[in-house]
Amino acid sequence: MKYRALRIVATVYRVIGWIIIVIGALGTCASSVAAVAGASYMGQRFGYRGGAGLGVIQAIIIIVIGLLYTGLIGVTLLAIAEGIQVFLDIEENTREIARRIRELPGVTAPSPGTPE
C-alpha cells in the first residue's frame, strides 16, 4: 500500500470531522436549552418580563448559528478527507491502467521510470 501517511491523514480528518459534527450538534442543543432555562430563571428570580419568550428567541438563534457553524466546519473536514481519498484513488487507478497496458500482447509500453 502506497502513501500510508496520506491515508492516515484522511482518516484523522474524517474522524475529527464527525466528532465535531456530533459534539457541536449536542453542544448547540444543550446551549439552546440553557438559554431557555436561564431566561426563565431570570424572569422568576428578578422579575424580568422577557422571561421564557426571550429565551426561546435566543435558543432559536443559538440553534441556527450553532448548527450552521458546526456543519460548515465538520463538512469542510470531511471534504478534505474525501479530497485526499480522491487523489489516492486516481493514483491507484493510473497504476492499474499502466499495468494492464504493459500486459497487452504486442504492446511495448515503457517501464515505469524510463523516459519516452
PDB file of N, CA and C in Angstrom:
ATOM      1  N   MET A   1       0.861  -1.173   0.000  1.00  0.00           N
ATOM      2  CA  MET A   1       0.000   0.000   0.000  1.00  0.00           C
ATOM      3  C   MET A   1       0.908   1.237   0.000  1.00  0.00           C
ATOM      4  N   LYS A   2       0.654   2.105  -0.979  1.00  0.00           N
ATOM      5  CA  LYS A   2       1.450   3.319  -1.101  1.00  0.00           C
ATOM      6  C   LYS A   2       0.765   4.463  -0.368  1.00  0.00           C
ATOM      7  N   TYR A   3       1.557   5.459  -0.023  1.00  0.00           N
ATOM      8  CA  TYR A   3       1.061   6.690   0.592  1.00  0.00           C
ATOM      9  C   TYR A   3       0.281   6.423   1.886  1.00  0.00           C
ATOM     10  N   ARG A   4       0.870   5.656   2.749  1.00  0.00           N
ATOM     11  CA  ARG A   4       0.229   5.303   4.016  1.00  0.00           C
ATOM     12  C   ARG A   4      -0.055   6.542   4.867  1.00  0.00           C
ATOM     13  N   ALA A   5       0.874   7.494   4.867  1.00  0.00           N
ATOM     14  CA  ALA A   5       0.690   8.698   5.689  1.00  0.00           C
ATOM     15  C   ALA A   5      -0.522   9.492   5.216  1.00  0.00           C
ATOM     16  N   LEU A   6      -0.723   9.582   3.894  1.00  0.00           N
ATOM     17  CA  LEU A   6      -1.900  10.296   3.390  1.00  0.00           C
ATOM     18  C   LEU A   6      -3.193   9.590   3.780  1.00  0.00           C
ATOM     19  N   ARG A   7      -3.173   8.278   3.777  1.00  0.00           N
ATOM     20  CA  ARG A   7      -4.366   7.523   4.204  1.00  0.00           C
ATOM     21  C   ARG A   7      -4.660   7.784   5.678  1.00  0.00           C
ATOM     22  N   ILE A   8      -3.622   7.856   6.484  1.00  0.00           N
ATOM     23  CA  ILE A   8      -3.799   8.137   7.908  1.00  0.00           C
ATOM     24  C   ILE A   8      -4.349   9.551   8.100  1.00  0.00           C
ATOM     25  N   VAL A   9      -3.784  10.510   7.369  1.00  0.00           N
ATOM     26  CA  VAL A   9      -4.251  11.896   7.476  1.00  0.00           C
ATOM     27  C   VAL A   9      -5.725  11.992   7.072  1.00  0.00           C
ATOM     28  N   ALA A  10      -6.107  11.314   5.983  1.00  0.00           N
ATOM     29  CA  ALA A  10      -7.510  11.331   5.548  1.00  0.00           C
ATOM     30  C   ALA A  10      -8.414  10.733   6.612  1.00  0.00           C
ATOM     31  N   THR A  11      -7.977   9.662   7.237  1.00  0.00           N
ATOM     32  CA  THR A  11      -8.768   9.032   8.292  1.00  0.00           C
ATOM     33  C   THR A  11      -8.904   9.956   9.499  1.00  0.00           C
ATOM     34  N   VAL A  12      -7.813  10.621   9.868  1.00  0.00           N
ATOM     35  CA  VAL A  12      -7.853  11.545  11.007  1.00  0.00           C
ATOM     36  C   VAL A  12      -8.818  12.694  10.728  1.00  0.00           C
ATOM     37  N   TYR A  13      -8.742  13.263   9.515  1.00  0.00           N
ATOM     38  CA  TYR A  13      -9.670  14.339   9.156  1.00  0.00           C
ATOM     39  C   TYR A  13     -11.125  13.856   9.206  1.00  0.00           C
ATOM     40  N   ARG A  14     -11.358  12.644   8.719  1.00  0.00           N
ATOM     41  CA  ARG A  14     -12.718  12.102   8.718  1.00  0.00           C
ATOM     42  C   ARG A  14     -13.239  11.926  10.153  1.00  0.00           C
ATOM     43  N   VAL A  15     -12.408  11.366  11.010  1.00  0.00           N
ATOM     44  CA  VAL A  15     -12.817  11.137  12.407  1.00  0.00           C
ATOM     45  C   VAL A  15     -13.062  12.472  13.122  1.00  0.00           C
ATOM     46  N   ILE A  16     -12.142  13.416  12.956  1.00  0.00           N
ATOM     47  CA  ILE A  16     -12.306  14.717  13.613  1.00  0.00           C
ATOM     48  C   ILE A  16     -13.555  15.428  13.085  1.00  0.00           C
ATOM     49  N   GLY A  17     -13.793  15.312  11.782  1.00  0.00           N
ATOM     50  CA  GLY A  17     -14.988  15.925  11.203  1.00  0.00           C
ATOM     51  C   GLY A  17     -16.265  15.396  11.832  1.00  0.00           C
ATOM     52  N   TRP A  18     -16.358  14.084  11.966  1.00  0.00           N
ATOM     53  CA  TRP A  18     -17.562  13.504  12.579  1.00  0.00           C
ATOM     54  C   TRP A  18     -17.666  13.840  14.067  1.00  0.00           C
ATOM     55  N   ILE A  19     -16.543  13.868  14.759  1.00  0.00           N
ATOM     56  CA  ILE A  19     -16.572  14.240  16.177  1.00  0.00           C
ATOM     57  C   ILE A  19     -17.082  15.672  16.332  1.00  0.00           C
ATOM     58  N   ILE A  20     -16.596  16.573  15.499  1.00  0.00           N
ATOM     59  CA  ILE A  20     -17.046  17.966  15.574  1.00  0.00           C
ATOM     60  C   ILE A  20     -18.534  18.074  15.271  1.00  0.00           C
ATOM     61  N   ILE A  21     -19.000  17.332  14.279  1.00  0.00           N
ATOM     62  CA  ILE A  21     -20.424  17.386  13.940  1.00  0.00           C
ATOM     63  C   ILE A  21     -21.276  16.898  15.107  1.00  0.00           C
ATOM     64  N   VAL A  22     -20.914  15.771  15.691  1.00  0.00           N
ATOM     65  CA  VAL A  22     -21.718  15.199  16.779  1.00  0.00           C
ATOM     66  C   VAL A  22     -21.654  16.072  18.031  1.00  0.00           C
ATOM     67  N   ILE A  23     -20.435  16.417  18.459  1.00  0.00           N
ATOM     68  CA  ILE A  23     -20.296  17.217  19.679  1.00  0.00           C
ATOM     69  C   ILE A  23     -20.871  18.618  19.473  1.00  0.00           C
ATOM     70  N   GLY A  24     -20.667  19.185  18.298  1.00  0.00           N
ATOM     71  CA  GLY A  24     -21.218  20.509  18.010  1.00  0.00           C
ATOM     72  C   GLY A  24     -22.733  20.526  18.036  1.00  0.00           C
ATOM     73  N   ALA A  25     -23.348  19.494  17.468  1.00  0.00           N
ATOM     74  CA  ALA A  25     -24.812  19.428  17.476  1.00  0.00           C
ATOM     75  C   ALA A  25     -25.335  19.256  18.900  1.00  0.00           C
ATOM     76  N   LEU A  26     -24.695  18.380  19.663  1.00  0.00           N
ATOM     77  CA  LEU A  26     -25.128  18.191  21.063  1.00  0.00           C
ATOM     78  C   LEU A  26     -24.902  19.457  21.885  1.00  0.00           C
ATOM     79  N   GLY A  27     -23.762  20.105  21.682  1.00  0.00           N
ATOM     80  CA  GLY A  27     -23.475  21.341  22.409  1.00  0.00           C
ATOM     81  C   GLY A  27     -24.429  22.457  22.045  1.00  0.00           C
ATOM     82  N   THR A  28     -24.807  22.525  20.770  1.00  0.00           N
ATOM     83  CA  THR A  28     -25.762  23.539  20.339  1.00  0.00           C
ATOM     84  C   THR A  28     -27.116  23.310  20.980  1.00  0.00           C
ATOM     85  N   CYS A  29     -27.553  22.062  21.020  1.00  0.00           N
ATOM     86  CA  CYS A  29     -28.837  21.750  21.667  1.00  0.00           C
ATOM     87  C   CYS A  29     -28.794  22.066  23.163  1.00  0.00           C
ATOM     88  N   ALA A  30     -27.697  21.712  23.818  1.00  0.00           N
ATOM     89  CA  ALA A  30     -27.568  21.997  25.250  1.00  0.00           C
ATOM     90  C   ALA A  30     -27.551  23.504  25.510  1.00  0.00           C
ATOM     91  N   SER A  31     -26.889  24.260  24.644  1.00  0.00           N
ATOM     92  CA  SER A  31     -26.838  25.714  24.813  1.00  0.00           C
ATOM     93  C   SER A  31     -28.202  26.344  24.629  1.00  0.00           C
ATOM     94  N   SER A  32     -28.976  25.826  23.691  1.00  0.00           N
ATOM     95  CA  SER A  32     -30.313  26.388  23.484  1.00  0.00           C
ATOM     96  C   SER A  32     -31.227  26.075  24.666  1.00  0.00           C
ATOM     97  N   VAL A  33     -31.112  24.891  25.230  1.00  0.00           N
ATOM     98  CA  VAL A  33     -31.893  24.560  26.427  1.00  0.00           C
ATOM     99  C   VAL A  33     -31.469  25.454  27.588  1.00  0.00           C
ATOM    100  N   ALA A  34     -30.166  25.693  27.710  1.00  0.00           N
ATOM    101  CA  ALA A  34     -29.673  26.561  28.779  1.00  0.00           C
ATOM    102  C   ALA A  34     -30.158  27.993  28.598  1.00  0.00           C
ATOM    103  N   ALA A  35     -30.287  28.450  27.360  1.00  0.00           N
ATOM    104  CA  ALA A  35     -30.790  29.805  27.116  1.00  0.00           C
ATOM    105  C   ALA A  35     -32.238  29.939  27.579  1.00  0.00           C
ATOM    106  N   VAL A  36     -33.052  28.944  27.274  1.00  0.00           N
ATOM    107  CA  VAL A  36     -34.457  28.991  27.707  1.00  0.00           C
ATOM    108  C   VAL A  36     -34.534  28.911  29.224  1.00  0.00           C
ATOM    109  N   ALA A  37     -33.776  27.991  29.828  1.00  0.00           N
ATOM    110  CA  ALA A  37     -33.808  27.840  31.284  1.00  0.00           C
ATOM    111  C   ALA A  37     -33.278  29.094  31.974  1.00  0.00           C
ATOM    112  N   GLY A  38     -32.222  29.676  31.437  1.00  0.00           N
ATOM    113  CA  GLY A  38     -31.655  30.883  32.038  1.00  0.00           C
ATOM    114  C   GLY A  38     -32.609  32.061  31.965  1.00  0.00           C
ATOM    115  N   ALA A  39     -33.258  32.236  30.840  1.00  0.00           N
ATOM    116  CA  ALA A  39     -34.209  33.343  30.709  1.00  0.00           C
ATOM    117  C   ALA A  39     -35.414  33.134  31.626  1.00  0.00           C
ATOM    118  N   SER A  40     -35.844  31.902  31.735  1.00  0.00           N
ATOM    119  CA  SER A  40     -36.966  31.611  32.632  1.00  0.00           C
ATOM    120  C   SER A  40     -36.581  31.868  34.085  1.00  0.00           C
ATOM    121  N   TYR A  41     -35.379  31.458  34.459  1.00  0.00           N
ATOM    122  CA  TYR A  41     -34.891  31.690  35.816  1.00  0.00           C
ATOM    123  C   TYR A  41     -34.781  33.186  36.112  1.00  0.00           C
ATOM    124  N   MET A  42     -34.228  33.942  35.139  1.00  0.00           N
ATOM    125  CA  MET A  42     -34.095  35.388  35.331  1.00  0.00           C
ATOM    126  C   MET A  42     -35.471  36.034  35.517  1.00  0.00           C
ATOM    127  N   GLY A  43     -36.442  35.537  34.779  1.00  0.00           N
ATOM    128  CA  GLY A  43     -37.796  36.078  34.909  1.00  0.00           C
ATOM    129  C   GLY A  43     -38.380  35.822  36.279  1.00  0.00           C
ATOM    130  N   GLN A  44     -38.191  34.616  36.789  1.00  0.00           N
ATOM    131  CA  GLN A  44     -38.740  34.269  38.102  1.00  0.00           C
ATOM    132  C   GLN A  44     -37.959  34.946  39.216  1.00  0.00           C
ATOM    133  N   ARG A  45     -36.676  34.964  39.114  1.00  0.00           N
ATOM    134  CA  ARG A  45     -35.830  35.453  40.204  1.00  0.00           C
ATOM    135  C   ARG A  45     -35.837  36.973  40.312  1.00  0.00           C
ATOM    136  N   PHE A  46     -35.769  37.671  39.188  1.00  0.00           N
ATOM    137  CA  PHE A  46     -35.601  39.119  39.220  1.00  0.00           C
ATOM    138  C   PHE A  46     -36.776  39.887  38.623  1.00  0.00           C
ATOM    139  N   GLY A  47     -37.833  39.177  38.314  1.00  0.00           N
ATOM    140  CA  GLY A  47     -38.999  39.848  37.766  1.00  0.00           C
ATOM    141  C   GLY A  47     -38.787  40.363  36.355  1.00  0.00           C
ATOM    142  N   TYR A  48     -37.896  39.734  35.642  1.00  0.00           N
ATOM    143  CA  TYR A  48     -37.600  40.138  34.276  1.00  0.00           C
ATOM    144  C   TYR A  48     -38.794  39.770  33.400  1.00  0.00           C
ATOM    145  N   ARG A  49     -39.315  40.714  32.643  1.00  0.00           N
ATOM    146  CA  ARG A  49     -40.562  40.490  31.917  1.00  0.00           C
ATOM    147  C   ARG A  49     -40.388  39.682  30.632  1.00  0.00           C
ATOM    148  N   GLY A  50     -39.179  39.617  30.102  1.00  0.00           N
ATOM    149  CA  GLY A  50     -38.975  38.855  28.862  1.00  0.00           C
ATOM    150  C   GLY A  50     -39.219  37.377  29.071  1.00  0.00           C
ATOM    151  N   GLY A  51     -38.743  36.887  30.181  1.00  0.00           N
ATOM    152  CA  GLY A  51     -38.962  35.507  30.589  1.00  0.00           C
ATOM    153  C   GLY A  51     -38.574  34.481  29.547  1.00  0.00           C
ATOM    154  N   ALA A  52     -39.358  33.415  29.505  1.00  0.00           N
ATOM    155  CA  ALA A  52     -39.065  32.292  28.627  1.00  0.00           C
ATOM    156  C   ALA A  52     -39.237  32.657  27.158  1.00  0.00           C
ATOM    157  N   GLY A  53     -40.058  33.648  26.850  1.00  0.00           N
ATOM    158  CA  GLY A  53     -40.248  34.044  25.449  1.00  0.00           C
ATOM    159  C   GLY A  53     -38.959  34.530  24.827  1.00  0.00           C
ATOM    160  N   LEU A  54     -38.223  35.361  25.559  1.00  0.00           N
ATOM    161  CA  LEU A  54     -36.939  35.827  25.062  1.00  0.00           C
ATOM    162  C   LEU A  54     -35.936  34.673  25.009  1.00  0.00           C
ATOM    163  N   GLY A  55     -36.033  33.766  25.943  1.00  0.00           N
ATOM    164  CA  GLY A  55     -35.162  32.594  25.946  1.00  0.00           C
ATOM    165  C   GLY A  55     -35.378  31.726  24.716  1.00  0.00           C
ATOM    166  N   VAL A  56     -36.628  31.625  24.273  1.00  0.00           N
ATOM    167  CA  VAL A  56     -36.923  30.843  23.073  1.00  0.00           C
ATOM    168  C   VAL A  56     -36.298  31.511  21.844  1.00  0.00           C
ATOM    169  N   ILE A  57     -36.386  32.824  21.764  1.00  0.00           N
ATOM    170  CA  ILE A  57     -35.767  33.544  20.653  1.00  0.00           C
ATOM    171  C   ILE A  57     -34.253  33.336  20.679  1.00  0.00           C
ATOM    172  N   GLN A  58     -33.667  33.437  21.867  1.00  0.00           N
ATOM    173  CA  GLN A  58     -32.232  33.192  21.990  1.00  0.00           C
ATOM    174  C   GLN A  58     -31.890  31.759  21.583  1.00  0.00           C
ATOM    175  N   ALA A  59     -32.717  30.814  21.985  1.00  0.00           N
ATOM    176  CA  ALA A  59     -32.464  29.410  21.660  1.00  0.00           C
ATOM    177  C   ALA A  59     -32.518  29.180  20.155  1.00  0.00           C
ATOM    178  N   ILE A  60     -33.457  29.815  19.473  1.00  0.00           N
ATOM    179  CA  ILE A  60     -33.551  29.662  18.019  1.00  0.00           C
ATOM    180  C   ILE A  60     -32.315  30.232  17.348  1.00  0.00           C
ATOM    181  N   ILE A  61     -31.867  31.393  17.816  1.00  0.00           N
ATOM    182  CA  ILE A  61     -30.661  31.994  17.251  1.00  0.00           C
ATOM    183  C   ILE A  61     -29.450  31.099  17.501  1.00  0.00           C
ATOM    184  N   ILE A  62     -29.339  30.561  18.698  1.00  0.00           N
ATOM    185  CA  ILE A  62     -28.224  29.668  19.031  1.00  0.00           C
ATOM    186  C   ILE A  62     -28.254  28.426  18.162  1.00  0.00           C
ATOM    187  N   ILE A  63     -29.429  27.845  17.963  1.00  0.00           N
ATOM    188  CA  ILE A  63     -29.537  26.632  17.149  1.00  0.00           C
ATOM    189  C   ILE A  63     -29.139  26.911  15.702  1.00  0.00           C
ATOM    190  N   VAL A  64     -29.669  27.985  15.137  1.00  0.00           N
ATOM    191  CA  VAL A  64     -29.369  28.283  13.731  1.00  0.00           C
ATOM    192  C   VAL A  64     -27.888  28.551  13.535  1.00  0.00           C
ATOM    193  N   ILE A  65     -27.324  29.446  14.316  1.00  0.00           N
ATOM    194  CA  ILE A  65     -25.911  29.799  14.148  1.00  0.00           C
ATOM    195  C   ILE A  65     -25.010  28.620  14.525  1.00  0.00           C
ATOM    196  N   GLY A  66     -25.323  27.941  15.610  1.00  0.00           N
ATOM    197  CA  GLY A  66     -24.502  26.816  16.059  1.00  0.00           C
ATOM    198  C   GLY A  66     -24.475  25.678  15.067  1.00  0.00           C
ATOM    199  N   LEU A  67     -25.638  25.307  14.528  1.00  0.00           N
ATOM    200  CA  LEU A  67     -25.671  24.208  13.575  1.00  0.00           C
ATOM    201  C   LEU A  67     -25.029  24.594  12.243  1.00  0.00           C
ATOM    202  N   LEU A  68     -25.214  25.832  11.814  1.00  0.00           N
ATOM    203  CA  LEU A  68     -24.548  26.270  10.581  1.00  0.00           C
ATOM    204  C   LEU A  68     -23.032  26.236  10.736  1.00  0.00           C
ATOM    205  N   TYR A  69     -22.539  26.759  11.837  1.00  0.00           N
ATOM    206  CA  TYR A  69     -21.100  26.796  12.069  1.00  0.00           C
ATOM    207  C   TYR A  69     -20.535  25.384  12.222  1.00  0.00           C
ATOM    208  N   THR A  70     -21.200  24.566  13.027  1.00  0.00           N
ATOM    209  CA  THR A  70     -20.751  23.193  13.231  1.00  0.00           C
ATOM    210  C   THR A  70     -20.766  22.425  11.914  1.00  0.00           C
ATOM    211  N   GLY A  71     -21.839  22.590  11.158  1.00  0.00           N
ATOM    212  CA  GLY A  71     -21.927  21.907   9.878  1.00  0.00           C
ATOM    213  C   GLY A  71     -20.848  22.358   8.912  1.00  0.00           C
ATOM    214  N   LEU A  72     -20.592  23.649   8.872  1.00  0.00           N
ATOM    215  CA  LEU A  72     -19.577  24.178   7.969  1.00  0.00           C
ATOM    216  C   LEU A  72     -18.201  23.605   8.289  1.00  0.00           C
ATOM    217  N   ILE A  73     -17.827  23.631   9.545  1.00  0.00           N
ATOM    218  CA  ILE A  73     -16.514  23.118   9.944  1.00  0.00           C
ATOM    219  C   ILE A  73     -16.435  21.603   9.741  1.00  0.00           C
ATOM    220  N   GLY A  74     -17.459  20.878  10.191  1.00  0.00           N
ATOM    221  CA  GLY A  74     -17.456  19.416  10.066  1.00  0.00           C
ATOM    222  C   GLY A  74     -17.441  18.951   8.622  1.00  0.00           C
ATOM    223  N   VAL A  75     -18.283  19.548   7.796  1.00  0.00           N
ATOM    224  CA  VAL A  75     -18.342  19.147   6.389  1.00  0.00           C
ATOM    225  C   VAL A  75     -17.053  19.532   5.662  1.00  0.00           C
ATOM    226  N   THR A  76     -16.444  20.639   6.042  1.00  0.00           N
ATOM    227  CA  THR A  76     -15.168  21.020   5.433  1.00  0.00           C
ATOM    228  C   THR A  76     -14.095  19.970   5.740  1.00  0.00           C
ATOM    229  N   LEU A  77     -14.038  19.506   6.971  1.00  0.00           N
ATOM    230  CA  LEU A  77     -13.062  18.474   7.320  1.00  0.00           C
ATOM    231  C   LEU A  77     -13.353  17.167   6.584  1.00  0.00           C
ATOM    232  N   LEU A  78     -14.624  16.812   6.446  1.00  0.00           N
ATOM    233  CA  LEU A  78     -14.972  15.606   5.696  1.00  0.00           C
ATOM    234  C   LEU A  78     -14.606  15.759   4.221  1.00  0.00           C
ATOM    235  N   ALA A  79     -14.789  16.948   3.668  1.00  0.00           N
ATOM    236  CA  ALA A  79     -14.443  17.192   2.270  1.00  0.00           C
ATOM    237  C   ALA A  79     -12.933  17.102   2.054  1.00  0.00           C
ATOM    238  N   ILE A  80     -12.156  17.589   3.003  1.00  0.00           N
ATOM    239  CA  ILE A  80     -10.698  17.465   2.899  1.00  0.00           C
ATOM    240  C   ILE A  80     -10.301  15.991   2.881  1.00  0.00           C
ATOM    241  N   ALA A  81     -10.913  15.199   3.755  1.00  0.00           N
ATOM    242  CA  ALA A  81     -10.623  13.762   3.791  1.00  0.00           C
ATOM    243  C   ALA A  81     -10.998  13.100   2.470  1.00  0.00           C
ATOM    244  N   GLU A  82     -12.151  13.455   1.921  1.00  0.00           N
ATOM    245  CA  GLU A  82     -12.573  12.879   0.643  1.00  0.00           C
ATOM    246  C   GLU A  82     -11.657  13.327  -0.495  1.00  0.00           C
ATOM    247  N   GLY A  83     -11.193  14.578  -0.453  1.00  0.00           N
ATOM    248  CA  GLY A  83     -10.275  15.062  -1.477  1.00  0.00           C
ATOM    249  C   GLY A  83      -8.976  14.275  -1.482  1.00  0.00           C
ATOM    250  N   ILE A  84      -8.442  14.013  -0.309  1.00  0.00           N
ATOM    251  CA  ILE A  84      -7.227  13.202  -0.211  1.00  0.00           C
ATOM    252  C   ILE A  84      -7.497  11.807  -0.765  1.00  0.00           C
ATOM    253  N   GLN A  85      -8.653  11.250  -0.425  1.00  0.00           N
ATOM    254  CA  GLN A  85      -9.002   9.915  -0.904  1.00  0.00           C
ATOM    255  C   GLN A  85      -9.145   9.876  -2.422  1.00  0.00           C
ATOM    256  N   VAL A  86      -9.683  10.941  -3.009  1.00  0.00           N
ATOM    257  CA  VAL A  86      -9.817  11.006  -4.473  1.00  0.00           C
ATOM    258  C   VAL A  86      -8.439  10.951  -5.129  1.00  0.00           C
ATOM    259  N   PHE A  87      -7.488  11.719  -4.612  1.00  0.00           N
ATOM    260  CA  PHE A  87      -6.140  11.699  -5.179  1.00  0.00           C
ATOM    261  C   PHE A  87      -5.514  10.311  -5.045  1.00  0.00           C
ATOM    262  N   LEU A  88      -5.732   9.651  -3.933  1.00  0.00           N
ATOM    263  CA  LEU A  88      -5.191   8.303  -3.755  1.00  0.00           C
ATOM    264  C   LEU A  88      -5.844   7.322  -4.725  1.00  0.00           C
ATOM    265  N   ASP A  89      -7.147   7.450  -4.934  1.00  0.00           N
ATOM    266  CA  ASP A  89      -7.843   6.572  -5.881  1.00  0.00           C
ATOM    267  C   ASP A  89      -7.367   6.814  -7.313  1.00  0.00           C
ATOM    268  N   ILE A  90      -7.142   8.072  -7.673  1.00  0.00           N
ATOM    269  CA  ILE A  90      -6.633   8.385  -9.016  1.00  0.00           C
ATOM    270  C   ILE A  90      -5.263   7.734  -9.218  1.00  0.00           C
ATOM    271  N   GLU A  91      -4.413   7.816  -8.205  1.00  0.00           N
ATOM    272  CA  GLU A  91      -3.081   7.207  -8.312  1.00  0.00           C
ATOM    273  C   GLU A  91      -3.198   5.698  -8.481  1.00  0.00           C
ATOM    274  N   GLU A  92      -4.066   5.052  -7.712  1.00  0.00           N
ATOM    275  CA  GLU A  92      -4.236   3.603  -7.817  1.00  0.00           C
ATOM    276  C   GLU A  92      -4.780   3.209  -9.188  1.00  0.00           C
ATOM    277  N   ASN A  93      -5.761   3.947  -9.675  1.00  0.00           N
ATOM    278  CA  ASN A  93      -6.343   3.641 -10.982  1.00  0.00           C
ATOM    279  C   ASN A  93      -5.318   3.835 -12.103  1.00  0.00           C
ATOM    280  N   THR A  94      -4.522   4.879 -12.022  1.00  0.00           N
ATOM    281  CA  THR A  94      -3.499   5.124 -13.033  1.00  0.00           C
ATOM    282  C   THR A  94      -2.464   4.009 -13.035  1.00  0.00           C
ATOM    283  N   ARG A  95      -2.055   3.587 -11.862  1.00  0.00           N
ATOM    284  CA  ARG A  95      -1.086   2.492 -11.764  1.00  0.00           C
ATOM    285  C   ARG A  95      -1.673   1.201 -12.339  1.00  0.00           C
ATOM    286  N   GLU A  96      -2.947   0.913 -12.047  1.00  0.00           N
ATOM    287  CA  GLU A  96      -3.600  -0.295 -12.565  1.00  0.00           C
ATOM    288  C   GLU A  96      -3.730  -0.250 -14.091  1.00  0.00           C
ATOM    289  N   ILE A  97      -4.071   0.905 -14.648  1.00  0.00           N
ATOM    290  CA  ILE A  97      -4.186   1.033 -16.101  1.00  0.00           C
ATOM    291  C   ILE A  97      -2.824   0.824 -16.752  1.00  0.00           C
ATOM    292  N   ALA A  98      -1.777   1.393 -16.180  1.00  0.00           N
ATOM    293  CA  ALA A  98      -0.426   1.209 -16.731  1.00  0.00           C
ATOM    294  C   ALA A  98      -0.021  -0.257 -16.693  1.00  0.00           C
ATOM    295  N   ARG A  99      -0.362  -0.949 -15.625  1.00  0.00           N
ATOM    296  CA  ARG A  99      -0.045  -2.381 -15.521  1.00  0.00           C
ATOM    297  C   ARG A  99      -0.780  -3.172 -16.594  1.00  0.00           C
ATOM    298  N   ARG A 100      -2.052  -2.867 -16.813  1.00  0.00           N
ATOM    299  CA  ARG A 100      -2.826  -3.592 -17.827  1.00  0.00           C
ATOM    300  C   ARG A 100      -2.313  -3.310 -19.233  1.00  0.00           C
ATOM    301  N   ILE A 101      -1.893  -2.088 -19.491  1.00  0.00           N
ATOM    302  CA  ILE A 101      -1.350  -1.757 -20.810  1.00  0.00           C
ATOM    303  C   ILE A 101      -0.067  -2.541 -21.058  1.00  0.00           C
ATOM    304  N   ARG A 102       0.787  -2.648 -20.052  1.00  0.00           N
ATOM    305  CA  ARG A 102       2.029  -3.408 -20.208  1.00  0.00           C
ATOM    306  C   ARG A 102       1.763  -4.886 -20.460  1.00  0.00           C
ATOM    307  N   GLU A 103       0.631  -5.413 -19.987  1.00  0.00           N
ATOM    308  CA  GLU A 103       0.304  -6.823 -20.157  1.00  0.00           C
ATOM    309  C   GLU A 103      -0.361  -7.130 -21.502  1.00  0.00           C
ATOM    310  N   LEU A 104      -0.771  -6.118 -22.254  1.00  0.00           N
ATOM    311  CA  LEU A 104      -1.401  -6.358 -23.550  1.00  0.00           C
ATOM    312  C   LEU A 104      -0.404  -7.001 -24.508  1.00  0.00           C
ATOM    313  N   PRO A 105      -0.855  -8.001 -25.303  1.00  0.00           N
ATOM    314  CA  PRO A 105       0.071  -8.627 -26.255  1.00  0.00           C
ATOM    315  C   PRO A 105       0.400  -7.667 -27.400  1.00  0.00           C
ATOM    316  N   GLY A 106       1.666  -7.622 -27.775  1.00  0.00           N
ATOM    317  CA  GLY A 106       2.097  -6.810 -28.893  1.00  0.00           C
ATOM    318  C   GLY A 106       2.282  -5.339 -28.577  1.00  0.00           C
ATOM    319  N   VAL A 107       2.053  -4.936 -27.318  1.00  0.00           N
ATOM    320  CA  VAL A 107       2.218  -3.529 -26.939  1.00  0.00           C
ATOM    321  C   VAL A 107       3.493  -3.419 -26.126  1.00  0.00           C
ATOM    322  N   THR A 108       4.343  -2.520 -26.543  1.00  0.00           N
ATOM    323  CA  THR A 108       5.557  -2.289 -25.790  1.00  0.00           C
ATOM    324  C   THR A 108       5.463  -0.912 -25.144  1.00  0.00           C
ATOM    325  N   ALA A 109       5.016  -0.919 -23.952  1.00  0.00           N
ATOM    326  CA  ALA A 109       4.888   0.325 -23.197  1.00  0.00           C
ATOM    327  C   ALA A 109       6.170   0.519 -22.410  1.00  0.00           C
ATOM    328  N   PRO A 110       6.573   1.746 -22.220  1.00  0.00           N
ATOM    329  CA  PRO A 110       7.783   1.968 -21.432  1.00  0.00           C
ATOM    330  C   PRO A 110       7.586   1.529 -19.992  1.00  0.00           C
ATOM    331  N   SER A 111       8.616   1.006 -19.407  1.00  0.00           N
ATOM    332  CA  SER A 111       8.525   0.608 -18.000  1.00  0.00           C
ATOM    333  C   SER A 111       8.531   1.849 -17.133  1.00  0.00           C
ATOM    334  N   PRO A 112       8.014   1.744 -15.921  1.00  0.00           N
ATOM    335  CA  PRO A 112       7.939   2.925 -15.048  1.00  0.00           C
ATOM    336  C   PRO A 112       9.336   3.502 -14.790  1.00  0.00           C
ATOM    337  N   GLY A 113       9.427   4.797 -14.887  1.00  0.00           N
ATOM    338  CA  GLY A 113      10.661   5.487 -14.576  1.00  0.00           C
ATOM    339  C   GLY A 113      11.594   5.699 -15.746  1.00  0.00           C
ATOM    340  N   THR A 114      11.222   5.173 -16.934  1.00  0.00           N
ATOM    341  CA  THR A 114      12.085   5.391 -18.095  1.00  0.00           C
ATOM    342  C   THR A 114      11.509   6.509 -18.960  1.00  0.00           C
ATOM    343  N   PRO A 115      12.373   7.397 -19.455  1.00  0.00           N
ATOM    344  CA  PRO A 115      11.870   8.487 -20.294  1.00  0.00           C
ATOM    345  C   PRO A 115      11.453   7.962 -21.670  1.00  0.00           C
ATOM    346  N   GLU A 116      10.482   8.612 -22.263  1.00  0.00           N
ATOM    347  CA  GLU A 116       9.990   8.181 -23.584  1.00  0.00           C
ATOM    348  C   GLU A 116      10.847   8.718 -24.678  1.00  0.00           C
TER     349      GLU A 116
END
